């Protein structure tokens, strides 16, 4: 590798015993937001639909309210969207990533130099 390899911070956050948030779940929520579909989001990330649904369901249950809502197919077709909670979760995670990257500049540069 060269010194131009991207280096980023991808934190994991544990809230109590029932909520774990990390890069995989956040990437899935971002894909649902982009694709408007759980199955399309799963395909985009190389996940099975079942795995994607289990990750979303774990967040829905952990928070006690949905982060994603799905609608069944029909005349207008089905789909999925982030709830306001899901959108806030993605935004807060992005803010945490940005803050960590900004405050860890020297350490991140040291990792770049190792590559």
PDB file of N, CA and C in Angstrom:
ATOM      1  N   UNK A   1       0.836  -1.185   0.000  1.00  0.00           N
ATOM      2  CA  UNK A   1       0.000   0.000   0.000  1.00  0.00           C
ATOM      3  C   UNK A   1       0.878   1.245   0.000  1.00  0.00           C
ATOM      4  N   UNK A   2       0.232   2.379  -0.227  1.00  0.00           N
ATOM      5  CA  UNK A   2       0.994   3.617  -0.199  1.00  0.00           C
ATOM      6  C   UNK A   2       0.453   4.529   0.893  1.00  0.00           C
ATOM      7  N   UNK A   3       1.095   5.651   1.104  1.00  0.00           N
ATOM      8  CA  UNK A   3       0.712   6.590   2.146  1.00  0.00           C
ATOM      9  C   UNK A   3      -0.596   7.306   1.881  1.00  0.00           C
ATOM     10  N   UNK A   4      -1.251   7.027   0.752  1.00  0.00           N
ATOM     11  CA  UNK A   4      -2.513   7.687   0.418  1.00  0.00           C
ATOM     12  C   UNK A   4      -3.736   6.825   0.731  1.00  0.00           C
ATOM     13  N   UNK A   5      -3.527   5.701   1.400  1.00  0.00           N
ATOM     14  CA  UNK A   5      -4.657   4.835   1.741  1.00  0.00           C
ATOM     15  C   UNK A   5      -5.593   5.565   2.701  1.00  0.00           C
ATOM     16  N   UNK A   6      -6.894   5.451   2.468  1.00  0.00           N
ATOM     17  CA  UNK A   6      -7.825   6.127   3.368  1.00  0.00           C
ATOM     18  C   UNK A   6      -7.768   5.519   4.768  1.00  0.00           C
ATOM     19  N   UNK A   7      -7.757   6.370   5.745  1.00  0.00           N
ATOM     20  CA  UNK A   7      -7.781   5.948   7.144  1.00  0.00           C
ATOM     21  C   UNK A   7      -8.956   6.661   7.785  1.00  0.00           C
ATOM     22  N   UNK A   8      -9.815   5.898   8.417  1.00  0.00           N
ATOM     23  CA  UNK A   8     -10.985   6.501   9.045  1.00  0.00           C
ATOM     24  C   UNK A   8     -11.296   5.807  10.352  1.00  0.00           C
ATOM     25  N   UNK A   9     -12.048   6.464  11.156  1.00  0.00           N
ATOM     26  CA  UNK A   9     -12.497   5.918  12.421  1.00  0.00           C
ATOM     27  C   UNK A   9     -13.917   5.414  12.224  1.00  0.00           C
ATOM     28  N   UNK A  10     -14.184   4.166  12.581  1.00  0.00           N
ATOM     29  CA  UNK A  10     -15.520   3.568  12.484  1.00  0.00           C
ATOM     30  C   UNK A  10     -15.874   3.018  13.868  1.00  0.00           C
ATOM     31  N   UNK A  11     -16.419   3.839  14.749  1.00  0.00           N
ATOM     32  CA  UNK A  11     -16.647   3.415  16.135  1.00  0.00           C
ATOM     33  C   UNK A  11     -17.807   2.437  16.302  1.00  0.00           C
ATOM     34  N   UNK A  12     -17.802   1.776  17.425  1.00  0.00           N
ATOM     35  CA  UNK A  12     -18.916   0.960  17.882  1.00  0.00           C
ATOM     36  C   UNK A  12     -19.423   1.602  19.160  1.00  0.00           C
ATOM     37  N   UNK A  13     -20.726   1.687  19.277  1.00  0.00           N
ATOM     38  CA  UNK A  13     -21.346   2.304  20.443  1.00  0.00           C
ATOM     39  C   UNK A  13     -22.284   1.282  21.072  1.00  0.00           C
ATOM     40  N   UNK A  14     -22.141   1.062  22.358  1.00  0.00           N
ATOM     41  CA  UNK A  14     -23.009   0.160  23.104  1.00  0.00           C
ATOM     42  C   UNK A  14     -23.845   1.008  24.054  1.00  0.00           C
ATOM     43  N   UNK A  15     -25.162   0.895  23.955  1.00  0.00           N
ATOM     44  CA  UNK A  15     -26.073   1.620  24.838  1.00  0.00           C
ATOM     45  C   UNK A  15     -26.784   0.577  25.685  1.00  0.00           C
ATOM     46  N   UNK A  16     -26.392   0.492  26.959  1.00  0.00           N
ATOM     47  CA  UNK A  16     -26.965  -0.527  27.820  1.00  0.00           C
ATOM     48  C   UNK A  16     -26.617  -1.912  27.306  1.00  0.00           C
ATOM     49  N   UNK A  17     -27.482  -2.867  27.629  1.00  0.00           N
ATOM     50  CA  UNK A  17     -27.232  -4.249  27.226  1.00  0.00           C
ATOM     51  C   UNK A  17     -27.879  -4.595  25.892  1.00  0.00           C
ATOM     52  N   UNK A  18     -28.803  -3.755  25.429  1.00  0.00           N
ATOM     53  CA  UNK A  18     -29.612  -4.183  24.285  1.00  0.00           C
ATOM     54  C   UNK A  18     -29.363  -3.446  22.973  1.00  0.00           C
ATOM     55  N   UNK A  19     -28.568  -2.381  22.972  1.00  0.00           N
ATOM     56  CA  UNK A  19     -28.364  -1.634  21.731  1.00  0.00           C
ATOM     57  C   UNK A  19     -26.883  -1.565  21.402  1.00  0.00           C
ATOM     58  N   UNK A  20     -26.532  -2.125  20.243  1.00  0.00           N
ATOM     59  CA  UNK A  20     -25.164  -2.046  19.741  1.00  0.00           C
ATOM     60  C   UNK A  20     -25.228  -1.407  18.360  1.00  0.00           C
ATOM     61  N   UNK A  21     -24.469  -0.333  18.198  1.00  0.00           N
ATOM     62  CA  UNK A  21     -24.454   0.400  16.936  1.00  0.00           C
ATOM     63  C   UNK A  21     -23.014   0.450  16.444  1.00  0.00           C
ATOM     64  N   UNK A  22     -22.825   0.050  15.199  1.00  0.00           N
ATOM     65  CA  UNK A  22     -21.488   0.070  14.636  1.00  0.00           C
ATOM     66  C   UNK A  22     -21.550   0.313  13.143  1.00  0.00           C
ATOM     67  N   UNK A  23     -20.419   0.198  12.488  1.00  0.00           N
ATOM     68  CA  UNK A  23     -20.348   0.505  11.057  1.00  0.00           C
ATOM     69  C   UNK A  23     -21.303  -0.312  10.193  1.00  0.00           C
ATOM     70  N   UNK A  24     -21.460  -1.596  10.499  1.00  0.00           N
ATOM     71  CA  UNK A  24     -22.320  -2.439   9.679  1.00  0.00           C
ATOM     72  C   UNK A  24     -23.770  -2.006   9.704  1.00  0.00           C
ATOM     73  N   UNK A  25     -24.290  -1.764  10.889  1.00  0.00           N
ATOM     74  CA  UNK A  25     -25.689  -1.338  11.004  1.00  0.00           C
ATOM     75  C   UNK A  25     -25.884   0.051  10.403  1.00  0.00           C
ATOM     76  N   UNK A  26     -24.938   0.935  10.625  1.00  0.00           N
ATOM     77  CA  UNK A  26     -25.061   2.283  10.061  1.00  0.00           C
ATOM     78  C   UNK A  26     -24.985   2.234   8.544  1.00  0.00           C
ATOM     79  N   UNK A  27     -24.073   1.443   7.991  1.00  0.00           N
ATOM     80  CA  UNK A  27     -23.997   1.305   6.534  1.00  0.00           C
ATOM     81  C   UNK A  27     -25.315   0.758   5.984  1.00  0.00           C
ATOM     82  N   UNK A  28     -25.928  -0.182   6.702  1.00  0.00           N
ATOM     83  CA  UNK A  28     -27.210  -0.726   6.273  1.00  0.00           C
ATOM     84  C   UNK A  28     -28.293   0.347   6.306  1.00  0.00           C
ATOM     85  N   UNK A  29     -28.356   1.132   7.367  1.00  0.00           N
ATOM     86  CA  UNK A  29     -29.353   2.208   7.435  1.00  0.00           C
ATOM     87  C   UNK A  29     -29.136   3.221   6.311  1.00  0.00           C
ATOM     88  N   UNK A  30     -27.886   3.545   6.043  1.00  0.00           N
ATOM     89  CA  UNK A  30     -27.594   4.472   4.937  1.00  0.00           C
ATOM     90  C   UNK A  30     -28.043   3.879   3.597  1.00  0.00           C
ATOM     91  N   UNK A  31     -27.851   2.572   3.420  1.00  0.00           N
ATOM     92  CA  UNK A  31     -28.266   1.921   2.173  1.00  0.00           C
ATOM     93  C   UNK A  31     -29.787   1.881   2.058  1.00  0.00           C
ATOM     94  N   UNK A  32     -30.488   1.645   3.157  1.00  0.00           N
ATOM     95  CA  UNK A  32     -31.959   1.681   3.134  1.00  0.00           C
ATOM     96  C   UNK A  32     -32.421   3.078   2.745  1.00  0.00           C
ATOM     97  N   UNK A  33     -31.783   4.082   3.305  1.00  0.00           N
ATOM     98  CA  UNK A  33     -32.136   5.463   2.984  1.00  0.00           C
ATOM     99  C   UNK A  33     -31.926   5.751   1.493  1.00  0.00           C
ATOM    100  N   UNK A  34     -30.858   5.229   0.949  1.00  0.00           N
ATOM    101  CA  UNK A  34     -30.514   5.463  -0.456  1.00  0.00           C
ATOM    102  C   UNK A  34     -31.382   4.631  -1.406  1.00  0.00           C
ATOM    103  N   UNK A  35     -31.619   3.373  -1.058  1.00  0.00           N
ATOM    104  CA  UNK A  35     -32.305   2.433  -1.945  1.00  0.00           C
ATOM    105  C   UNK A  35     -33.818   2.393  -1.746  1.00  0.00           C
ATOM    106  N   UNK A  36     -34.299   2.869  -0.595  1.00  0.00           N
ATOM    107  CA  UNK A  36     -35.724   2.810  -0.259  1.00  0.00           C
ATOM    108  C   UNK A  36     -36.243   1.378  -0.246  1.00  0.00           C
ATOM    109  N   UNK A  37     -35.370   0.455   0.124  1.00  0.00           N
ATOM    110  CA  UNK A  37     -35.720  -0.963   0.112  1.00  0.00           C
ATOM    111  C   UNK A  37     -34.731  -1.720   0.980  1.00  0.00           C
ATOM    112  N   UNK A  38     -35.246  -2.605   1.839  1.00  0.00           N
ATOM    113  CA  UNK A  38     -34.352  -3.425   2.653  1.00  0.00           C
ATOM    114  C   UNK A  38     -33.643  -4.442   1.771  1.00  0.00           C
ATOM    115  N   UNK A  39     -34.366  -5.077   0.857  1.00  0.00           N
ATOM    116  CA  UNK A  39     -33.733  -6.092   0.016  1.00  0.00           C
ATOM    117  C   UNK A  39     -32.682  -5.470  -0.910  1.00  0.00           C
ATOM    118  N   UNK A  40     -32.959  -4.308  -1.479  1.00  0.00           N
ATOM    119  CA  UNK A  40     -31.969  -3.642  -2.339  1.00  0.00           C
ATOM    120  C   UNK A  40     -30.764  -3.188  -1.510  1.00  0.00           C
ATOM    121  N   UNK A  41     -31.006  -2.717  -0.305  1.00  0.00           N
ATOM    122  CA  UNK A  41     -29.907  -2.318   0.573  1.00  0.00           C
ATOM    123  C   UNK A  41     -29.046  -3.528   0.909  1.00  0.00           C
ATOM    124  N   UNK A  42     -29.690  -4.645   1.207  1.00  0.00           N
ATOM    125  CA  UNK A  42     -28.953  -5.873   1.517  1.00  0.00           C
ATOM    126  C   UNK A  42     -28.092  -6.296   0.324  1.00  0.00           C
ATOM    127  N   UNK A  43     -28.673  -6.304  -0.862  1.00  0.00           N
ATOM    128  CA  UNK A  43     -27.910  -6.671  -2.066  1.00  0.00           C
ATOM    129  C   UNK A  43     -26.716  -5.744  -2.264  1.00  0.00           C
ATOM    130  N   UNK A  44     -26.931  -4.440  -2.074  1.00  0.00           N
ATOM    131  CA  UNK A  44     -25.850  -3.464  -2.267  1.00  0.00           C
ATOM    132  C   UNK A  44     -24.687  -3.709  -1.316  1.00  0.00           C
ATOM    133  N   UNK A  45     -24.994  -4.260  -0.143  1.00  0.00           N
ATOM    134  CA  UNK A  45     -23.947  -4.500   0.849  1.00  0.00           C
ATOM    135  C   UNK A  45     -23.464  -5.949   0.873  1.00  0.00           C
ATOM    136  N   UNK A  46     -24.023  -6.784   0.000  1.00  0.00           N
ATOM    137  CA  UNK A  46     -23.616  -8.186  -0.021  1.00  0.00           C
ATOM    138  C   UNK A  46     -24.158  -8.995   1.136  1.00  0.00           C
ATOM    139  N   UNK A  47     -25.305  -8.587   1.669  1.00  0.00           N
ATOM    140  CA  UNK A  47     -25.943  -9.300   2.778  1.00  0.00           C
ATOM    141  C   UNK A  47     -27.158 -10.060   2.272  1.00  0.00           C
ATOM    142  N   UNK A  48     -27.551 -11.071   3.011  1.00  0.00           N
ATOM    143  CA  UNK A  48     -28.837 -11.696   2.716  1.00  0.00           C
ATOM    144  C   UNK A  48     -29.925 -10.794   3.275  1.00  0.00           C
ATOM    145  N   UNK A  49     -31.125 -10.933   2.725  1.00  0.00           N
ATOM    146  CA  UNK A  49     -32.254 -10.163   3.251  1.00  0.00           C
ATOM    147  C   UNK A  49     -32.464 -10.500   4.718  1.00  0.00           C
ATOM    148  N   UNK A  50     -32.365 -11.775   5.066  1.00  0.00           N
ATOM    149  CA  UNK A  50     -32.596 -12.187   6.459  1.00  0.00           C
ATOM    150  C   UNK A  50     -31.612 -11.500   7.395  1.00  0.00           C
ATOM    151  N   UNK A  51     -30.347 -11.470   7.021  1.00  0.00           N
ATOM    152  CA  UNK A  51     -29.325 -10.820   7.872  1.00  0.00           C
ATOM    153  C   UNK A  51     -29.626  -9.329   8.021  1.00  0.00           C
ATOM    154  N   UNK A  52     -29.970  -8.683   6.915  1.00  0.00           N
ATOM    155  CA  UNK A  52     -30.292  -7.253   6.970  1.00  0.00           C
ATOM    156  C   UNK A  52     -31.491  -7.021   7.880  1.00  0.00           C
ATOM    157  N   UNK A  53     -32.522  -7.840   7.725  1.00  0.00           N
ATOM    158  CA  UNK A  53     -33.709  -7.663   8.552  1.00  0.00           C
ATOM    159  C   UNK A  53     -33.401  -7.891  10.025  1.00  0.00           C
ATOM    160  N   UNK A  54     -32.572  -8.888  10.342  1.00  0.00           N
ATOM    161  CA  UNK A  54     -32.211  -9.145  11.741  1.00  0.00           C
ATOM    162  C   UNK A  54     -31.444  -7.964  12.340  1.00  0.00           C
ATOM    163  N   UNK A  55     -30.559  -7.345  11.566  1.00  0.00           N
ATOM    164  CA  UNK A  55     -29.821  -6.178  12.064  1.00  0.00           C
ATOM    165  C   UNK A  55     -30.772  -5.012  12.340  1.00  0.00           C
ATOM    166  N   UNK A  56     -31.687  -4.768  11.416  1.00  0.00           N
ATOM    167  CA  UNK A  56     -32.664  -3.689  11.597  1.00  0.00           C
ATOM    168  C   UNK A  56     -33.577  -4.003  12.771  1.00  0.00           C
ATOM    169  N   UNK A  57     -34.037  -5.240  12.852  1.00  0.00           N
ATOM    170  CA  UNK A  57     -34.946  -5.642  13.918  1.00  0.00           C
ATOM    171  C   UNK A  57     -34.284  -5.506  15.291  1.00  0.00           C
ATOM    172  N   UNK A  58     -32.981  -5.796  15.362  1.00  0.00           N
ATOM    173  CA  UNK A  58     -32.282  -5.645  16.649  1.00  0.00           C
ATOM    174  C   UNK A  58     -32.281  -4.187  17.100  1.00  0.00           C
ATOM    175  N   UNK A  59     -32.155  -3.260  16.153  1.00  0.00           N
ATOM    176  CA  UNK A  59     -32.228  -1.836  16.504  1.00  0.00           C
ATOM    177  C   UNK A  59     -33.650  -1.444  16.883  1.00  0.00           C
ATOM    178  N   UNK A  60     -34.629  -1.905  16.091  1.00  0.00           N
ATOM    179  CA  UNK A  60     -36.029  -1.598  16.386  1.00  0.00           C
ATOM    180  C   UNK A  60     -36.396  -2.055  17.799  1.00  0.00           C
ATOM    181  N   UNK A  61     -36.006  -3.276  18.154  1.00  0.00           N
ATOM    182  CA  UNK A  61     -36.312  -3.799  19.482  1.00  0.00           C
ATOM    183  C   UNK A  61     -35.492  -3.109  20.563  1.00  0.00           C
ATOM    184  N   UNK A  62     -34.223  -2.869  20.289  1.00  0.00           N
ATOM    185  CA  UNK A  62     -33.365  -2.220  21.288  1.00  0.00           C
ATOM    186  C   UNK A  62     -33.865  -0.842  21.677  1.00  0.00           C
ATOM    187  N   UNK A  63     -34.303  -0.065  20.688  1.00  0.00           N
ATOM    188  CA  UNK A  63     -34.810   1.275  20.964  1.00  0.00           C
ATOM    189  C   UNK A  63     -36.270   1.262  21.407  1.00  0.00           C
ATOM    190  N   UNK A  64     -36.943   0.147  21.180  1.00  0.00           N
ATOM    191  CA  UNK A  64     -38.348   0.062  21.559  1.00  0.00           C
ATOM    192  C   UNK A  64     -39.271   0.786  20.596  1.00  0.00           C
ATOM    193  N   UNK A  65     -38.733   1.213  19.496  1.00  0.00           N
ATOM    194  CA  UNK A  65     -39.509   1.851  18.426  1.00  0.00           C
ATOM    195  C   UNK A  65     -38.694   1.723  17.145  1.00  0.00           C
ATOM    196  N   UNK A  66     -39.353   1.789  16.006  1.00  0.00           N
ATOM    197  CA  UNK A  66     -38.648   1.485  14.749  1.00  0.00           C
ATOM    198  C   UNK A  66     -37.657   2.552  14.306  1.00  0.00           C
ATOM    199  N   UNK A  67     -36.564   2.057  13.698  1.00  0.00           N
ATOM    200  CA  UNK A  67     -35.606   2.929  13.016  1.00  0.00           C
ATOM    201  C   UNK A  67     -35.840   2.849  11.513  1.00  0.00           C
ATOM    202  N   UNK A  68     -36.509   1.789  11.076  1.00  0.00           N
ATOM    203  CA  UNK A  68     -36.891   1.587   9.679  1.00  0.00           C
ATOM    204  C   UNK A  68     -38.327   1.097   9.669  1.00  0.00           C
ATOM    205  N   UNK A  69     -39.117   1.624   8.745  1.00  0.00           N
ATOM    206  CA  UNK A  69     -40.463   1.094   8.529  1.00  0.00           C
ATOM    207  C   UNK A  69     -40.538   0.604   7.089  1.00  0.00           C
ATOM    208  N   UNK A  70     -41.188  -0.533   6.934  1.00  0.00           N
ATOM    209  CA  UNK A  70     -41.343  -1.132   5.604  1.00  0.00           C
ATOM    210  C   UNK A  70     -42.827  -1.136   5.258  1.00  0.00           C
ATOM    211  N   UNK A  71     -43.100  -0.925   3.990  1.00  0.00           N
ATOM    212  CA  UNK A  71     -44.468  -1.022   3.494  1.00  0.00           C
ATOM    213  C   UNK A  71     -44.527  -2.177   2.512  1.00  0.00           C
ATOM    214  N   UNK A  72     -45.660  -2.859   2.509  1.00  0.00           N
ATOM    215  CA  UNK A  72     -45.796  -4.007   1.612  1.00  0.00           C
ATOM    216  C   UNK A  72     -46.036  -3.538   0.196  1.00  0.00           C
ATOM    217  N   UNK A  73     -45.799  -4.434  -0.727  1.00  0.00           N
ATOM    218  CA  UNK A  73     -45.996  -4.119  -2.140  1.00  0.00           C
ATOM    219  C   UNK A  73     -47.464  -3.899  -2.460  1.00  0.00           C
ATOM    220  N   UNK A  74     -47.722  -3.572  -3.638  1.00  0.00           N
ATOM    221  CA  UNK A  74     -49.081  -3.289  -4.077  1.00  0.00           C
ATOM    222  C   UNK A  74     -49.021  -2.430  -5.309  1.00  0.00           C
ATOM    223  N   UNK A  75     -50.056  -1.663  -5.496  1.00  0.00           N
ATOM    224  CA  UNK A  75     -50.144  -0.829  -6.694  1.00  0.00           C
ATOM    225  C   UNK A  75     -48.938   0.104  -6.847  1.00  0.00           C
ATOM    226  N   UNK A  76     -48.580   0.791  -5.776  1.00  0.00           N
ATOM    227  CA  UNK A  76     -47.439   1.709  -5.825  1.00  0.00           C
ATOM    228  C   UNK A  76     -46.122   1.047  -5.475  1.00  0.00           C
ATOM    229  N   UNK A  77     -46.163  -0.254  -5.182  1.00  0.00           N
ATOM    230  CA  UNK A  77     -44.946  -0.956  -4.795  1.00  0.00           C
ATOM    231  C   UNK A  77     -44.647  -0.767  -3.318  1.00  0.00           C
ATOM    232  N   UNK A  78     -43.874  -1.656  -2.788  1.00  0.00           N
ATOM    233  CA  UNK A  78     -43.486  -1.567  -1.384  1.00  0.00           C
ATOM    234  C   UNK A  78     -42.227  -0.745  -1.249  1.00  0.00           C
ATOM    235  N   UNK A  79     -41.676  -0.791  -0.077  1.00  0.00           N
ATOM    236  CA  UNK A  79     -40.440  -0.066   0.139  1.00  0.00           C
ATOM    237  C   UNK A  79     -40.126   0.042   1.608  1.00  0.00           C
ATOM    238  N   UNK A  80     -39.099   0.761   1.904  1.00  0.00           N
ATOM    239  CA  UNK A  80     -38.670   0.974   3.282  1.00  0.00           C
ATOM    240  C   UNK A  80     -38.081   2.368   3.380  1.00  0.00           C
ATOM    241  N   UNK A  81     -38.199   2.905   4.561  1.00  0.00           N
ATOM    242  CA  UNK A  81     -37.623   4.228   4.804  1.00  0.00           C
ATOM    243  C   UNK A  81     -37.174   4.319   6.253  1.00  0.00           C
ATOM    244  N   UNK A  82     -36.249   5.216   6.488  1.00  0.00           N
ATOM    245  CA  UNK A  82     -35.835   5.478   7.857  1.00  0.00           C
ATOM    246  C   UNK A  82     -36.924   6.283   8.549  1.00  0.00           C
ATOM    247  N   UNK A  83     -37.134   5.988   9.799  1.00  0.00           N
ATOM    248  CA  UNK A  83     -38.012   6.814  10.613  1.00  0.00           C
ATOM    249  C   UNK A  83     -37.204   8.036  11.053  1.00  0.00           C
ATOM    250  N   UNK A  84     -37.843   9.029  11.662  1.00  0.00           N
ATOM    251  CA  UNK A  84     -37.054  10.144  12.208  1.00  0.00           C
ATOM    252  C   UNK A  84     -35.975   9.664  13.181  1.00  0.00           C
ATOM    253  N   UNK A  85     -36.273   8.635  13.975  1.00  0.00           N
ATOM    254  CA  UNK A  85     -35.261   8.077  14.875  1.00  0.00           C
ATOM    255  C   UNK A  85     -34.096   7.492  14.084  1.00  0.00           C
ATOM    256  N   UNK A  86     -34.393   6.736  13.028  1.00  0.00           N
ATOM    257  CA  UNK A  86     -33.339   6.164  12.198  1.00  0.00           C
ATOM    258  C   UNK A  86     -32.470   7.232  11.558  1.00  0.00           C
ATOM    259  N   UNK A  87     -33.105   8.290  11.065  1.00  0.00           N
ATOM    260  CA  UNK A  87     -32.353   9.396  10.454  1.00  0.00           C
ATOM    261  C   UNK A  87     -31.474  10.092  11.493  1.00  0.00           C
ATOM    262  N   UNK A  88     -31.993  10.294  12.703  1.00  0.00           N
ATOM    263  CA  UNK A  88     -31.187  10.919  13.767  1.00  0.00           C
ATOM    264  C   UNK A  88     -30.021  10.014  14.165  1.00  0.00           C
ATOM    265  N   UNK A  89     -30.259   8.718  14.199  1.00  0.00           N
ATOM    266  CA  UNK A  89     -29.212   7.771  14.543  1.00  0.00           C
ATOM    267  C   UNK A  89     -28.058   7.843  13.535  1.00  0.00           C
ATOM    268  N   UNK A  90     -28.376   7.863  12.251  1.00  0.00           N
ATOM    269  CA  UNK A  90     -27.350   7.967  11.208  1.00  0.00           C
ATOM    270  C   UNK A  90     -26.618   9.309  11.328  1.00  0.00           C
ATOM    271  N   UNK A  91     -27.354  10.382  11.551  1.00  0.00           N
ATOM    272  CA  UNK A  91     -26.729  11.712  11.669  1.00  0.00           C
ATOM    273  C   UNK A  91     -25.813  11.799  12.887  1.00  0.00           C
ATOM    274  N   UNK A  92     -26.245  11.238  14.019  1.00  0.00           N
ATOM    275  CA  UNK A  92     -25.418  11.294  15.233  1.00  0.00           C
ATOM    276  C   UNK A  92     -24.151  10.453  15.046  1.00  0.00           C
ATOM    277  N   UNK A  93     -24.288   9.317  14.380  1.00  0.00           N
ATOM    278  CA  UNK A  93     -23.120   8.472  14.135  1.00  0.00           C
ATOM    279  C   UNK A  93     -22.132   9.196  13.221  1.00  0.00           C
ATOM    280  N   UNK A  94     -22.638   9.851  12.177  1.00  0.00           N
ATOM    281  CA  UNK A  94     -21.767  10.608  11.276  1.00  0.00           C
ATOM    282  C   UNK A  94     -21.050  11.724  12.030  1.00  0.00           C
ATOM    283  N   UNK A  95     -21.760  12.389  12.926  1.00  0.00           N
ATOM    284  CA  UNK A  95     -21.143  13.450  13.725  1.00  0.00           C
ATOM    285  C   UNK A  95     -20.066  12.884  14.642  1.00  0.00           C
ATOM    286  N   UNK A  96     -20.317  11.711  15.204  1.00  0.00           N
ATOM    287  CA  UNK A  96     -19.322  11.068  16.064  1.00  0.00           C
ATOM    288  C   UNK A  96     -18.080  10.696  15.256  1.00  0.00           C
ATOM    289  N   UNK A  97     -18.279  10.123  14.066  1.00  0.00           N
ATOM    290  CA  UNK A  97     -17.144   9.794  13.196  1.00  0.00           C
ATOM    291  C   UNK A  97     -16.319  11.041  12.882  1.00  0.00           C
ATOM    292  N   UNK A  98     -16.993  12.111  12.508  1.00  0.00           N
ATOM    293  CA  UNK A  98     -16.297  13.347  12.136  1.00  0.00           C
ATOM    294  C   UNK A  98     -15.522  13.917  13.321  1.00  0.00           C
ATOM    295  N   UNK A  99     -16.139  13.911  14.490  1.00  0.00           N
ATOM    296  CA  UNK A  99     -15.474  14.457  15.672  1.00  0.00           C
ATOM    297  C   UNK A  99     -14.258  13.616  16.052  1.00  0.00           C
ATOM    298  N   UNK A 100     -14.400  12.295  15.987  1.00  0.00           N
ATOM    299  CA  UNK A 100     -13.265  11.431  16.299  1.00  0.00           C
ATOM    300  C   UNK A 100     -12.130  11.632  15.302  1.00  0.00           C
ATOM    301  N   UNK A 101     -12.471  11.710  14.026  1.00  0.00           N
ATOM    302  CA  UNK A 101     -11.431  11.910  13.011  1.00  0.00           C
ATOM    303  C   UNK A 101     -10.733  13.254  13.196  1.00  0.00           C
ATOM    304  N   UNK A 102     -11.501  14.286  13.538  1.00  0.00           N
ATOM    305  CA  UNK A 102     -10.906  15.615  13.736  1.00  0.00           C
ATOM    306  C   UNK A 102     -10.001  15.648  14.964  1.00  0.00           C
ATOM    307  N   UNK A 103     -10.375  14.928  16.001  1.00  0.00           N
ATOM    308  CA  UNK A 103      -9.588  14.989  17.226  1.00  0.00           C
ATOM    309  C   UNK A 103      -8.436  13.990  17.258  1.00  0.00           C
ATOM    310  N   UNK A 104      -8.385  13.101  16.289  1.00  0.00           N
ATOM    311  CA  UNK A 104      -7.346  12.067  16.264  1.00  0.00           C
ATOM    312  C   UNK A 104      -6.399  12.228  15.076  1.00  0.00           C
ATOM    313  N   UNK A 105      -6.223  13.452  14.621  1.00  0.00           N
ATOM    314  CA  UNK A 105      -5.426  13.700  13.418  1.00  0.00           C
ATOM    315  C   UNK A 105      -4.031  13.113  13.461  1.00  0.00           C
ATOM    316  N   UNK A 106      -3.320  13.302  14.560  1.00  0.00           N
ATOM    317  CA  UNK A 106      -1.947  12.790  14.649  1.00  0.00           C
ATOM    318  C   UNK A 106      -1.924  11.264  14.591  1.00  0.00           C
ATOM    319  N   UNK A 107      -2.827  10.632  15.318  1.00  0.00           N
ATOM    320  CA  UNK A 107      -2.878   9.172  15.339  1.00  0.00           C
ATOM    321  C   UNK A 107      -3.256   8.618  13.965  1.00  0.00           C
ATOM    322  N   UNK A 108      -4.226   9.249  13.306  1.00  0.00           N
ATOM    323  CA  UNK A 108      -4.629   8.790  11.980  1.00  0.00           C
ATOM    324  C   UNK A 108      -3.494   8.954  10.967  1.00  0.00           C
ATOM    325  N   UNK A 109      -2.753  10.050  11.084  1.00  0.00           N
ATOM    326  CA  UNK A 109      -1.602  10.250  10.200  1.00  0.00           C
ATOM    327  C   UNK A 109      -0.561   9.164  10.434  1.00  0.00           C
ATOM    328  N   UNK A 110      -0.365   8.774  11.677  1.00  0.00           N
ATOM    329  CA  UNK A 110       0.591   7.718  11.988  1.00  0.00           C
ATOM    330  C   UNK A 110       0.153   6.396  11.332  1.00  0.00           C
ATOM    331  N   UNK A 111      -1.142   6.115  11.335  1.00  0.00           N
ATOM    332  CA  UNK A 111      -1.637   4.913  10.656  1.00  0.00           C
ATOM    333  C   UNK A 111      -1.413   5.007   9.148  1.00  0.00           C
ATOM    334  N   UNK A 112      -1.638   6.191   8.583  1.00  0.00           N
ATOM    335  CA  UNK A 112      -1.400   6.376   7.137  1.00  0.00           C
ATOM    336  C   UNK A 112       0.059   6.072   6.806  1.00  0.00           C
ATOM    337  N   UNK A 113       0.966   6.534   7.651  1.00  0.00           N
ATOM    338  CA  UNK A 113       2.383   6.334   7.408  1.00  0.00           C
ATOM    339  C   UNK A 113       2.807   4.871   7.529  1.00  0.00           C
ATOM    340  N   UNK A 114       2.013   4.079   8.226  1.00  0.00           N
ATOM    341  CA  UNK A 114       2.308   2.652   8.354  1.00  0.00           C
ATOM    342  C   UNK A 114       1.947   1.875   7.090  1.00  0.00           C
ATOM    343  N   UNK A 115       1.055   2.440   6.277  1.00  0.00           N
ATOM    344  CA  UNK A 115       0.581   1.675   5.118  1.00  0.00           C
ATOM    345  C   UNK A 115       1.531   1.800   3.943  1.00  0.00           C
TER     346      UNK A 115
END
